[in-house]
PDB file of N, CA and C in Angstrom:
ATOM      1  N   MET A   1     -35.408   8.458   9.534  1.00  0.00           N
ATOM      2  CA  MET A   1     -34.496   8.717   8.466  1.00  0.00           C
ATOM      3  C   MET A   1     -32.943   8.715   8.999  1.00  0.00           C
ATOM      4  N   LYS A   2     -32.793   9.313  10.358  1.00  0.00           N
ATOM      5  CA  LYS A   2     -31.575   8.958  10.838  1.00  0.00           C
ATOM      6  C   LYS A   2     -31.173   7.958  10.890  1.00  0.00           C
ATOM      7  N   LYS A   3     -31.827   6.868  11.367  1.00  0.00           N
ATOM      8  CA  LYS A   3     -31.233   5.389  11.613  1.00  0.00           C
ATOM      9  C   LYS A   3     -30.930   5.041  10.229  1.00  0.00           C
ATOM     10  N   LEU A   4     -31.637   5.069   8.897  1.00  0.00           N
ATOM     11  CA  LEU A   4     -31.189   4.803   7.733  1.00  0.00           C
ATOM     12  C   LEU A   4     -29.905   5.480   7.134  1.00  0.00           C
ATOM     13  N   ILE A   5     -29.972   6.641   7.547  1.00  0.00           N
ATOM     14  CA  ILE A   5     -28.510   7.295   7.036  1.00  0.00           C
ATOM     15  C   ILE A   5     -27.389   6.442   7.904  1.00  0.00           C
ATOM     16  N   SER A   6     -27.793   6.287   9.086  1.00  0.00           N
ATOM     17  CA  SER A   6     -26.362   5.564  10.266  1.00  0.00           C
ATOM     18  C   SER A   6     -26.185   4.228   9.479  1.00  0.00           C
ATOM     19  N   VAL A   7     -27.459   3.494   9.221  1.00  0.00           N
ATOM     20  CA  VAL A   7     -27.146   2.170   8.603  1.00  0.00           C
ATOM     21  C   VAL A   7     -26.324   2.196   7.146  1.00  0.00           C
ATOM     22  N   LEU A   8     -26.648   3.218   6.338  1.00  0.00           N
ATOM     23  CA  LEU A   8     -25.902   3.516   5.142  1.00  0.00           C
ATOM     24  C   LEU A   8     -24.531   3.731   5.300  1.00  0.00           C
ATOM     25  N   ALA A   9     -24.333   4.813   6.100  1.00  0.00           N
ATOM     26  CA  ALA A   9     -23.051   5.084   6.657  1.00  0.00           C
ATOM     27  C   ALA A   9     -22.105   3.907   7.074  1.00  0.00           C
ATOM     28  N   THR A  10     -22.431   3.187   7.838  1.00  0.00           N
ATOM     29  CA  THR A  10     -22.159   1.848   8.448  1.00  0.00           C
ATOM     30  C   THR A  10     -21.704   0.890   7.185  1.00  0.00           C
ATOM     31  N   THR A  11     -22.743   0.655   6.570  1.00  0.00           N
ATOM     32  CA  THR A  11     -22.637  -0.018   5.431  1.00  0.00           C
ATOM     33  C   THR A  11     -21.395   0.171   4.413  1.00  0.00           C
ATOM     34  N   THR A  12     -21.464   1.465   3.863  1.00  0.00           N
ATOM     35  CA  THR A  12     -20.564   2.090   3.267  1.00  0.00           C
ATOM     36  C   THR A  12     -18.973   1.782   3.810  1.00  0.00           C
ATOM     37  N   VAL A  13     -18.855   2.241   5.004  1.00  0.00           N
ATOM     38  CA  VAL A  13     -17.633   1.873   5.514  1.00  0.00           C
ATOM     39  C   VAL A  13     -17.260   0.433   5.638  1.00  0.00           C
ATOM     40  N   LEU A  14     -17.928  -0.453   6.072  1.00  0.00           N
ATOM     41  CA  LEU A  14     -17.725  -1.826   6.031  1.00  0.00           C
ATOM     42  C   LEU A  14     -17.275  -2.379   4.665  1.00  0.00           C
ATOM     43  N   PHE A  15     -18.312  -1.824   3.723  1.00  0.00           N
ATOM     44  CA  PHE A  15     -17.788  -2.109   2.346  1.00  0.00           C
ATOM     45  C   PHE A  15     -16.560  -1.730   1.764  1.00  0.00           C
ATOM     46  N   SER A  16     -15.890  -0.613   2.201  1.00  0.00           N
ATOM     47  CA  SER A  16     -14.898   0.017   1.878  1.00  0.00           C
ATOM     48  C   SER A  16     -13.680  -0.842   2.583  1.00  0.00           C
ATOM     49  N   MET A  17     -13.968  -1.231   4.033  1.00  0.00           N
ATOM     50  CA  MET A  17     -12.944  -2.104   4.326  1.00  0.00           C
ATOM     51  C   MET A  17     -12.831  -3.502   4.074  1.00  0.00           C
ATOM     52  N   VAL A  18     -13.904  -4.044   3.356  1.00  0.00           N
ATOM     53  CA  VAL A  18     -13.823  -5.238   2.377  1.00  0.00           C
ATOM     54  C   VAL A  18     -13.297  -4.948   1.403  1.00  0.00           C
ATOM     55  N   THR A  19     -13.653  -4.118   0.815  1.00  0.00           N
ATOM     56  CA  THR A  19     -12.804  -3.799  -0.598  1.00  0.00           C
ATOM     57  C   THR A  19     -11.396  -3.882  -0.519  1.00  0.00           C
ATOM     58  N   ALA A  20     -10.774  -2.858   0.446  1.00  0.00           N
ATOM     59  CA  ALA A  20      -9.645  -2.751   0.926  1.00  0.00           C
ATOM     60  C   ALA A  20      -8.825  -4.069   1.022  1.00  0.00           C
ATOM     61  N   VAL A  21      -9.444  -4.957   1.947  1.00  0.00           N
ATOM     62  CA  VAL A  21      -8.853  -6.281   2.219  1.00  0.00           C
ATOM     63  C   VAL A  21      -8.614  -7.353   0.689  1.00  0.00           C
ATOM     64  N   ASN A  22      -9.806  -7.082   0.027  1.00  0.00           N
ATOM     65  CA  ASN A  22      -9.754  -7.853  -1.274  1.00  0.00           C
ATOM     66  C   ASN A  22      -8.791  -7.286  -2.091  1.00  0.00           C
ATOM     67  N   ALA A  23      -8.469  -6.029  -2.017  1.00  0.00           N
ATOM     68  CA  ALA A  23      -7.464  -5.125  -3.087  1.00  0.00           C
ATOM     69  C   ALA A  23      -6.482  -5.599  -2.548  1.00  0.00           C
ATOM     70  N   ASP A  24      -5.938  -5.812  -1.429  1.00  0.00           N
ATOM     71  CA  ASP A  24      -4.595  -6.378  -0.796  1.00  0.00           C
ATOM     72  C   ASP A  24      -4.412  -7.693  -1.297  1.00  0.00           C
ATOM     73  N   GLU A  25      -5.546  -8.688  -1.282  1.00  0.00           N
ATOM     74  CA  GLU A  25      -5.283 -10.186  -1.482  1.00  0.00           C
ATOM     75  C   GLU A  25      -5.162 -10.036  -3.099  1.00  0.00           C
ATOM     76  N   ALA A  26      -5.799  -9.548  -3.765  1.00  0.00           N
ATOM     77  CA  ALA A  26      -5.752  -9.386  -5.133  1.00  0.00           C
ATOM     78  C   ALA A  26      -4.204  -8.762  -5.677  1.00  0.00           C
ATOM     79  N   GLY A  27      -3.862  -7.770  -5.023  1.00  0.00           N
ATOM     80  CA  GLY A  27      -2.413  -7.159  -5.361  1.00  0.00           C
ATOM     81  C   GLY A  27      -1.441  -8.406  -5.168  1.00  0.00           C
ATOM     82  N   TYR A  28      -1.721  -9.060  -3.753  1.00  0.00           N
ATOM     83  CA  TYR A  28      -0.799 -10.107  -3.657  1.00  0.00           C
ATOM     84  C   TYR A  28      -0.686 -11.252  -4.618  1.00  0.00           C
ATOM     85  N   LYS A  29      -1.890 -11.748  -5.007  1.00  0.00           N
ATOM     86  CA  LYS A  29      -2.129 -13.052  -5.955  1.00  0.00           C
ATOM     87  C   LYS A  29      -1.610 -12.373  -7.469  1.00  0.00           C
ATOM     88  N   LYS A  30      -1.615 -11.077  -7.797  1.00  0.00           N
ATOM     89  CA  LYS A  30      -1.095 -10.388  -8.771  1.00  0.00           C
ATOM     90  C   LYS A  30       0.092 -10.500  -8.754  1.00  0.00           C
ATOM     91  N   SER A  31       0.680  -9.943  -7.969  1.00  0.00           N
ATOM     92  CA  SER A  31       2.128  -9.444  -7.940  1.00  0.00           C
ATOM     93  C   SER A  31       3.162 -10.269  -7.230  1.00  0.00           C
ATOM     94  N   CYS A  32       2.759 -11.208  -5.960  1.00  0.00           N
ATOM     95  CA  CYS A  32       3.629 -11.421  -5.149  1.00  0.00           C
ATOM     96  C   CYS A  32       3.660 -13.025  -5.053  1.00  0.00           C
ATOM     97  N   GLN A  33       2.169 -13.536  -5.277  1.00  0.00           N
ATOM     98  CA  GLN A  33       2.025 -15.173  -4.849  1.00  0.00           C
ATOM     99  C   GLN A  33       2.821 -16.106  -5.716  1.00  0.00           C
ATOM    100  N   ALA A  34       3.449 -15.537  -7.049  1.00  0.00           N
ATOM    101  CA  ALA A  34       4.448 -16.483  -7.778  1.00  0.00           C
ATOM    102  C   ALA A  34       5.532 -16.933  -6.867  1.00  0.00           C
ATOM    103  N   CYS A  35       6.227 -15.970  -6.339  1.00  0.00           N
ATOM    104  CA  CYS A  35       7.428 -16.172  -5.466  1.00  0.00           C
ATOM    105  C   CYS A  35       7.228 -16.639  -3.987  1.00  0.00           C
ATOM    106  N   HIS A  36       6.019 -15.904  -3.415  1.00  0.00           N
ATOM    107  CA  HIS A  36       5.753 -16.117  -1.804  1.00  0.00           C
ATOM    108  C   HIS A  36       4.788 -17.235  -1.775  1.00  0.00           C
ATOM    109  N   ALA A  37       4.167 -18.254  -2.815  1.00  0.00           N
ATOM    110  CA  ALA A  37       3.416 -19.261  -2.535  1.00  0.00           C
ATOM    111  C   ALA A  37       4.154 -20.376  -3.294  1.00  0.00           C
ATOM    112  N   PHE A  38       4.853 -20.157  -4.460  1.00  0.00           N
ATOM    113  CA  PHE A  38       5.342 -21.317  -5.088  1.00  0.00           C
ATOM    114  C   PHE A  38       6.736 -21.096  -5.425  1.00  0.00           C
ATOM    115  N   GLY A  39       7.418 -19.894  -5.206  1.00  0.00           N
ATOM    116  CA  GLY A  39       8.839 -19.812  -5.451  1.00  0.00           C
ATOM    117  C   GLY A  39       9.684 -19.795  -4.559  1.00  0.00           C
ATOM    118  N   PRO A  40      10.833 -19.004  -4.631  1.00  0.00           N
ATOM    119  CA  PRO A  40      11.871 -18.894  -3.454  1.00  0.00           C
ATOM    120  C   PRO A  40      11.750 -17.881  -2.261  1.00  0.00           C
ATOM    121  N   GLY A  41      10.664 -17.215  -2.581  1.00  0.00           N
ATOM    122  CA  GLY A  41      10.278 -16.218  -1.272  1.00  0.00           C
ATOM    123  C   GLY A  41      10.022 -16.553  -0.206  1.00  0.00           C
ATOM    124  N   PRO A  42       9.980 -15.866   0.902  1.00  0.00           N
ATOM    125  CA  PRO A  42       9.351 -16.692   2.036  1.00  0.00           C
ATOM    126  C   PRO A  42       7.737 -16.951   2.095  1.00  0.00           C
ATOM    127  N   LYS A  43       7.481 -17.930   2.411  1.00  0.00           N
ATOM    128  CA  LYS A  43       5.891 -18.364   2.026  1.00  0.00           C
ATOM    129  C   LYS A  43       5.043 -17.455   2.892  1.00  0.00           C
ATOM    130  N   LEU A  44       4.009 -17.102   2.426  1.00  0.00           N
ATOM    131  CA  LEU A  44       2.788 -16.597   2.992  1.00  0.00           C
ATOM    132  C   LEU A  44       2.227 -17.413   4.060  1.00  0.00           C
ATOM    133  N   GLY A  45       2.263 -17.159   5.541  1.00  0.00           N
ATOM    134  CA  GLY A  45       1.503 -17.993   6.052  1.00  0.00           C
ATOM    135  C   GLY A  45       2.613 -18.877   6.897  1.00  0.00           C
ATOM    136  N   ASN A  46       3.632 -18.763   6.476  1.00  0.00           N
ATOM    137  CA  ASN A  46       4.944 -19.655   7.216  1.00  0.00           C
ATOM    138  C   ASN A  46       5.304 -18.763   8.226  1.00  0.00           C
ATOM    139  N   LYS A  47       4.881 -18.967   9.302  1.00  0.00           N
ATOM    140  CA  LYS A  47       5.580 -18.088  10.678  1.00  0.00           C
ATOM    141  C   LYS A  47       7.062 -18.234  10.823  1.00  0.00           C
ATOM    142  N   ALA A  48       7.670 -19.401  10.795  1.00  0.00           N
ATOM    143  CA  ALA A  48       9.027 -19.408  10.743  1.00  0.00           C
ATOM    144  C   ALA A  48       9.858 -18.673   9.595  1.00  0.00           C
ATOM    145  N   ASP A  49       9.175 -18.520   8.549  1.00  0.00           N
ATOM    146  CA  ASP A  49      10.062 -17.969   7.343  1.00  0.00           C
ATOM    147  C   ASP A  49       9.664 -16.310   7.402  1.00  0.00           C
ATOM    148  N   TRP A  50       8.698 -15.843   8.399  1.00  0.00           N
ATOM    149  CA  TRP A  50       8.450 -14.725   8.595  1.00  0.00           C
ATOM    150  C   TRP A  50       8.958 -13.686   9.990  1.00  0.00           C
ATOM    151  N   LYS A  51       9.297 -14.578  10.695  1.00  0.00           N
ATOM    152  CA  LYS A  51       9.532 -14.170  12.200  1.00  0.00           C
ATOM    153  C   LYS A  51      10.511 -13.129  12.126  1.00  0.00           C
ATOM    154  N   ASP A  52      11.572 -13.147  11.571  1.00  0.00           N
ATOM    155  CA  ASP A  52      12.988 -12.424  11.565  1.00  0.00           C
ATOM    156  C   ASP A  52      12.506 -11.472  10.709  1.00  0.00           C
ATOM    157  N   ARG A  53      11.668 -11.421   9.501  1.00  0.00           N
ATOM    158  CA  ARG A  53      11.471 -10.285   8.620  1.00  0.00           C
ATOM    159  C   ARG A  53      10.668  -9.334   9.606  1.00  0.00           C
ATOM    160  N   ILE A  54       9.338  -9.985  10.004  1.00  0.00           N
ATOM    161  CA  ILE A  54       8.415  -9.094  10.658  1.00  0.00           C
ATOM    162  C   ILE A  54       9.097  -8.265  11.983  1.00  0.00           C
ATOM    163  N   ALA A  55      10.100  -8.886  12.493  1.00  0.00           N
ATOM    164  CA  ALA A  55      10.807  -8.201  13.857  1.00  0.00           C
ATOM    165  C   ALA A  55      11.384  -6.989  13.106  1.00  0.00           C
ATOM    166  N   GLN A  56      11.610  -7.047  11.778  1.00  0.00           N
ATOM    167  CA  GLN A  56      12.594  -5.656  11.317  1.00  0.00           C
ATOM    168  C   GLN A  56      11.487  -4.656  11.067  1.00  0.00           C
ATOM    169  N   GLY A  57      10.312  -4.630  10.954  1.00  0.00           N
ATOM    170  CA  GLY A  57       9.226  -3.670  11.138  1.00  0.00           C
ATOM    171  C   GLY A  57       8.694  -3.526   9.742  1.00  0.00           C
ATOM    172  N   ILE A  58       7.384  -3.084   9.498  1.00  0.00           N
ATOM    173  CA  ILE A  58       6.853  -2.760   8.353  1.00  0.00           C
ATOM    174  C   ILE A  58       7.629  -1.828   7.567  1.00  0.00           C
ATOM    175  N   PRO A  59       8.243  -0.837   7.736  1.00  0.00           N
ATOM    176  CA  PRO A  59       9.024   0.360   7.165  1.00  0.00           C
ATOM    177  C   PRO A  59       9.857  -0.455   6.557  1.00  0.00           C
ATOM    178  N   THR A  60      10.657  -1.306   7.087  1.00  0.00           N
ATOM    179  CA  THR A  60      11.802  -1.921   6.237  1.00  0.00           C
ATOM    180  C   THR A  60      11.174  -2.964   5.483  1.00  0.00           C
ATOM    181  N   LEU A  61      10.367  -3.575   5.747  1.00  0.00           N
ATOM    182  CA  LEU A  61       9.636  -4.596   4.597  1.00  0.00           C
ATOM    183  C   LEU A  61       9.155  -3.869   3.446  1.00  0.00           C
ATOM    184  N   VAL A  62       8.361  -2.736   3.730  1.00  0.00           N
ATOM    185  CA  VAL A  62       8.058  -2.105   2.285  1.00  0.00           C
ATOM    186  C   VAL A  62       9.127  -1.475   1.691  1.00  0.00           C
ATOM    187  N   ASN A  63      10.157  -0.947   2.219  1.00  0.00           N
ATOM    188  CA  ASN A  63      11.603  -0.479   1.869  1.00  0.00           C
ATOM    189  C   ASN A  63      11.979  -1.911   0.757  1.00  0.00           C
ATOM    190  N   HIS A  64      12.008  -2.930   1.355  1.00  0.00           N
ATOM    191  CA  HIS A  64      12.548  -3.968   0.629  1.00  0.00           C
ATOM    192  C   HIS A  64      11.552  -4.465  -0.362  1.00  0.00           C
ATOM    193  N   ALA A  65      10.593  -4.119  -0.323  1.00  0.00           N
ATOM    194  CA  ALA A  65       9.429  -4.673  -1.355  1.00  0.00           C
ATOM    195  C   ALA A  65       9.601  -3.362  -2.451  1.00  0.00           C
ATOM    196  N   ILE A  66       9.930  -2.448  -2.213  1.00  0.00           N
ATOM    197  CA  ILE A  66       9.772  -1.294  -3.337  1.00  0.00           C
ATOM    198  C   ILE A  66      11.168  -1.220  -3.975  1.00  0.00           C
ATOM    199  N   LYS A  67      12.269  -1.324  -3.244  1.00  0.00           N
ATOM    200  CA  LYS A  67      13.590  -1.403  -3.966  1.00  0.00           C
ATOM    201  C   LYS A  67      14.238  -3.007  -4.232  1.00  0.00           C
ATOM    202  N   GLY A  68      13.665  -3.809  -3.828  1.00  0.00           N
ATOM    203  CA  GLY A  68      14.074  -5.277  -4.199  1.00  0.00           C
ATOM    204  C   GLY A  68      15.259  -5.424  -3.302  1.00  0.00           C
ATOM    205  N   THR A  69      15.608  -6.830  -2.878  1.00  0.00           N
ATOM    206  CA  THR A  69      16.611  -7.232  -2.063  1.00  0.00           C
ATOM    207  C   THR A  69      17.735  -7.871  -2.754  1.00  0.00           C
ATOM    208  N   ALA A  70      18.715  -7.878  -2.508  1.00  0.00           N
ATOM    209  CA  ALA A  70      20.016  -8.788  -3.117  1.00  0.00           C
ATOM    210  C   ALA A  70      19.974 -10.063  -3.011  1.00  0.00           C
ATOM    211  N   LYS A  71      18.889 -10.740  -2.308  1.00  0.00           N
ATOM    212  CA  LYS A  71      18.415 -12.208  -2.098  1.00  0.00           C
ATOM    213  C   LYS A  71      17.549 -12.708  -3.440  1.00  0.00           C
ATOM    214  N   GLY A  72      17.441 -11.728  -4.081  1.00  0.00           N
ATOM    215  CA  GLY A  72      16.643 -12.157  -5.237  1.00  0.00           C
ATOM    216  C   GLY A  72      15.261 -11.348  -5.627  1.00  0.00           C
ATOM    217  N   MET A  73      14.878 -10.440  -4.515  1.00  0.00           N
ATOM    218  CA  MET A  73      13.481 -10.284  -4.913  1.00  0.00           C
ATOM    219  C   MET A  73      13.641  -8.845  -5.598  1.00  0.00           C
ATOM    220  N   PRO A  74      12.880  -8.612  -6.914  1.00  0.00           N
ATOM    221  CA  PRO A  74      12.815  -7.651  -7.863  1.00  0.00           C
ATOM    222  C   PRO A  74      12.164  -6.241  -7.177  1.00  0.00           C
ATOM    223  N   PRO A  75      12.559  -5.166  -7.348  1.00  0.00           N
ATOM    224  CA  PRO A  75      11.737  -4.118  -7.144  1.00  0.00           C
ATOM    225  C   PRO A  75      10.279  -4.181  -7.361  1.00  0.00           C
ATOM    226  N   LYS A  76       9.376  -3.919  -6.212  1.00  0.00           N
ATOM    227  CA  LYS A  76       7.865  -3.934  -6.619  1.00  0.00           C
ATOM    228  C   LYS A  76       7.534  -5.169  -6.830  1.00  0.00           C
ATOM    229  N   GLY A  77       8.358  -6.166  -6.616  1.00  0.00           N
ATOM    230  CA  GLY A  77       7.870  -7.657  -7.277  1.00  0.00           C
ATOM    231  C   GLY A  77       7.760  -8.005  -8.483  1.00  0.00           C
ATOM    232  N   GLY A  78       8.710  -7.128  -9.080  1.00  0.00           N
ATOM    233  CA  GLY A  78       8.467  -7.360 -10.708  1.00  0.00           C
ATOM    234  C   GLY A  78       7.195  -6.149 -11.251  1.00  0.00           C
ATOM    235  N   ASN A  79       6.408  -5.608 -10.532  1.00  0.00           N
ATOM    236  CA  ASN A  79       5.247  -4.914 -11.178  1.00  0.00           C
ATOM    237  C   ASN A  79       5.557  -3.519 -10.771  1.00  0.00           C
ATOM    238  N   MET A  80       5.867  -3.124 -11.616  1.00  0.00           N
ATOM    239  CA  MET A  80       6.494  -1.528 -11.499  1.00  0.00           C
ATOM    240  C   MET A  80       5.108  -0.590 -11.616  1.00  0.00           C
ATOM    241  N   SER A  81       4.251  -1.107 -11.881  1.00  0.00           N
ATOM    242  CA  SER A  81       2.851  -0.206 -11.660  1.00  0.00           C
ATOM    243  C   SER A  81       2.437   0.137 -10.561  1.00  0.00           C
ATOM    244  N   LEU A  82       2.653  -0.888  -9.329  1.00  0.00           N
ATOM    245  CA  LEU A  82       2.293  -0.709  -8.176  1.00  0.00           C
ATOM    246  C   LEU A  82       2.841   0.686  -7.450  1.00  0.00           C
ATOM    247  N   THR A  83       1.938   1.246  -6.696  1.00  0.00           N
ATOM    248  CA  THR A  83       2.138   2.532  -6.073  1.00  0.00           C
ATOM    249  C   THR A  83       2.892   2.149  -4.703  1.00  0.00           C
ATOM    250  N   GLU A  84       3.466   2.900  -4.248  1.00  0.00           N
ATOM    251  CA  GLU A  84       3.886   2.512  -2.788  1.00  0.00           C
ATOM    252  C   GLU A  84       2.999   2.471  -1.626  1.00  0.00           C
ATOM    253  N   ALA A  85       1.776   3.123  -1.737  1.00  0.00           N
ATOM    254  CA  ALA A  85       0.755   2.733  -1.023  1.00  0.00           C
ATOM    255  C   ALA A  85       0.369   1.443  -1.201  1.00  0.00           C
ATOM    256  N   GLN A  86       0.075   0.848  -2.645  1.00  0.00           N
ATOM    257  CA  GLN A  86      -0.353  -0.269  -2.578  1.00  0.00           C
ATOM    258  C   GLN A  86       0.438  -1.363  -2.131  1.00  0.00           C
ATOM    259  N   ILE A  87       1.834  -0.964  -2.440  1.00  0.00           N
ATOM    260  CA  ILE A  87       2.975  -2.055  -1.717  1.00  0.00           C
ATOM    261  C   ILE A  87       2.871  -2.282  -0.163  1.00  0.00           C
ATOM    262  N   LYS A  88       2.588  -1.090   0.437  1.00  0.00           N
ATOM    263  CA  LYS A  88       2.489  -1.121   1.874  1.00  0.00           C
ATOM    264  C   LYS A  88       1.146  -1.567   2.329  1.00  0.00           C
ATOM    265  N   SER A  89       0.080  -1.426   1.589  1.00  0.00           N
ATOM    266  CA  SER A  89      -0.897  -2.704   1.937  1.00  0.00           C
ATOM    267  C   SER A  89      -0.968  -4.160   1.670  1.00  0.00           C
ATOM    268  N   ILE A  90      -0.283  -4.221   0.545  1.00  0.00           N
ATOM    269  CA  ILE A  90       0.364  -5.951   0.399  1.00  0.00           C
ATOM    270  C   ILE A  90       1.087  -6.217   1.453  1.00  0.00           C
ATOM    271  N   VAL A  91       2.094  -5.367   1.561  1.00  0.00           N
ATOM    272  CA  VAL A  91       3.056  -5.869   2.604  1.00  0.00           C
ATOM    273  C   VAL A  91       2.381  -6.284   3.952  1.00  0.00           C
ATOM    274  N   GLU A  92       1.426  -5.287   4.385  1.00  0.00           N
ATOM    275  CA  GLU A  92       0.687  -5.457   5.711  1.00  0.00           C
ATOM    276  C   GLU A  92      -0.078  -6.614   5.479  1.00  0.00           C
ATOM    277  N   TYR A  93      -0.702  -6.965   4.325  1.00  0.00           N
ATOM    278  CA  TYR A  93      -1.679  -8.207   4.307  1.00  0.00           C
ATOM    279  C   TYR A  93      -0.840  -9.334   4.514  1.00  0.00           C
ATOM    280  N   MET A  94       0.478  -9.526   3.864  1.00  0.00           N
ATOM    281  CA  MET A  94       1.260 -10.695   4.113  1.00  0.00           C
ATOM    282  C   MET A  94       1.804 -10.734   5.449  1.00  0.00           C
ATOM    283  N   VAL A  95       2.006  -9.691   6.340  1.00  0.00           N
ATOM    284  CA  VAL A  95       2.563  -9.710   7.509  1.00  0.00           C
ATOM    285  C   VAL A  95       1.313 -10.256   8.396  1.00  0.00           C
ATOM    286  N   LYS A  96       0.204  -9.617   8.324  1.00  0.00           N
ATOM    287  CA  LYS A  96      -1.214 -10.135   8.984  1.00  0.00           C
ATOM    288  C   LYS A  96      -1.218 -11.796   8.760  1.00  0.00           C
ATOM    289  N   LYS A  97      -1.224 -12.207   7.632  1.00  0.00           N
ATOM    290  CA  LYS A  97      -1.152 -13.595   7.213  1.00  0.00           C
ATOM    291  C   LYS A  97      -0.102 -14.608   7.741  1.00  0.00           C
ATOM    292  N   SER A  98       0.731 -13.979   8.087  1.00  0.00           N
ATOM    293  CA  SER A  98       2.251 -14.566   8.751  1.00  0.00           C
ATOM    294  C   SER A  98       2.569 -14.531   9.720  1.00  0.00           C
ATOM    295  N   LYS A  99       1.500 -13.929  10.485  1.00  0.00           N
ATOM    296  CA  LYS A  99       2.085 -13.764  12.232  1.00  0.00           C
ATOM    297  C   LYS A  99       1.631 -15.034  12.874  1.00  0.00           C
TER     298      LYS A  99
END
C-alpha cells in the first residue's frame, strides 16, 4: 500500500510539472508567438537575439513583459487577462528555450 501511495504521489508531481510546462508553452503560443516567432520581437530560440536580454535577469524581463517596452512590445503582450505569475512562467519558458 505504501508503495502504491508513493507511486501515485510521484505520478501526480510529474503530471503537475508536465502540465505547468504545457501551460507555459500554450501561453507563449496564445499570447507571444505572433511577435516572437513571426513578428518583430526577439525570436524564441535565437541565442543572439536573447543573449543581452537574458543578461538583464528574469525580474527585468518580466517587468518588460508586464509593462511593455518603448521598442513596441505592448503590456502583457497584448493579453491583459494574463496574471503576473503566468507572465513570469512564460518568460521563464522563453528564456529556457533561448539559452
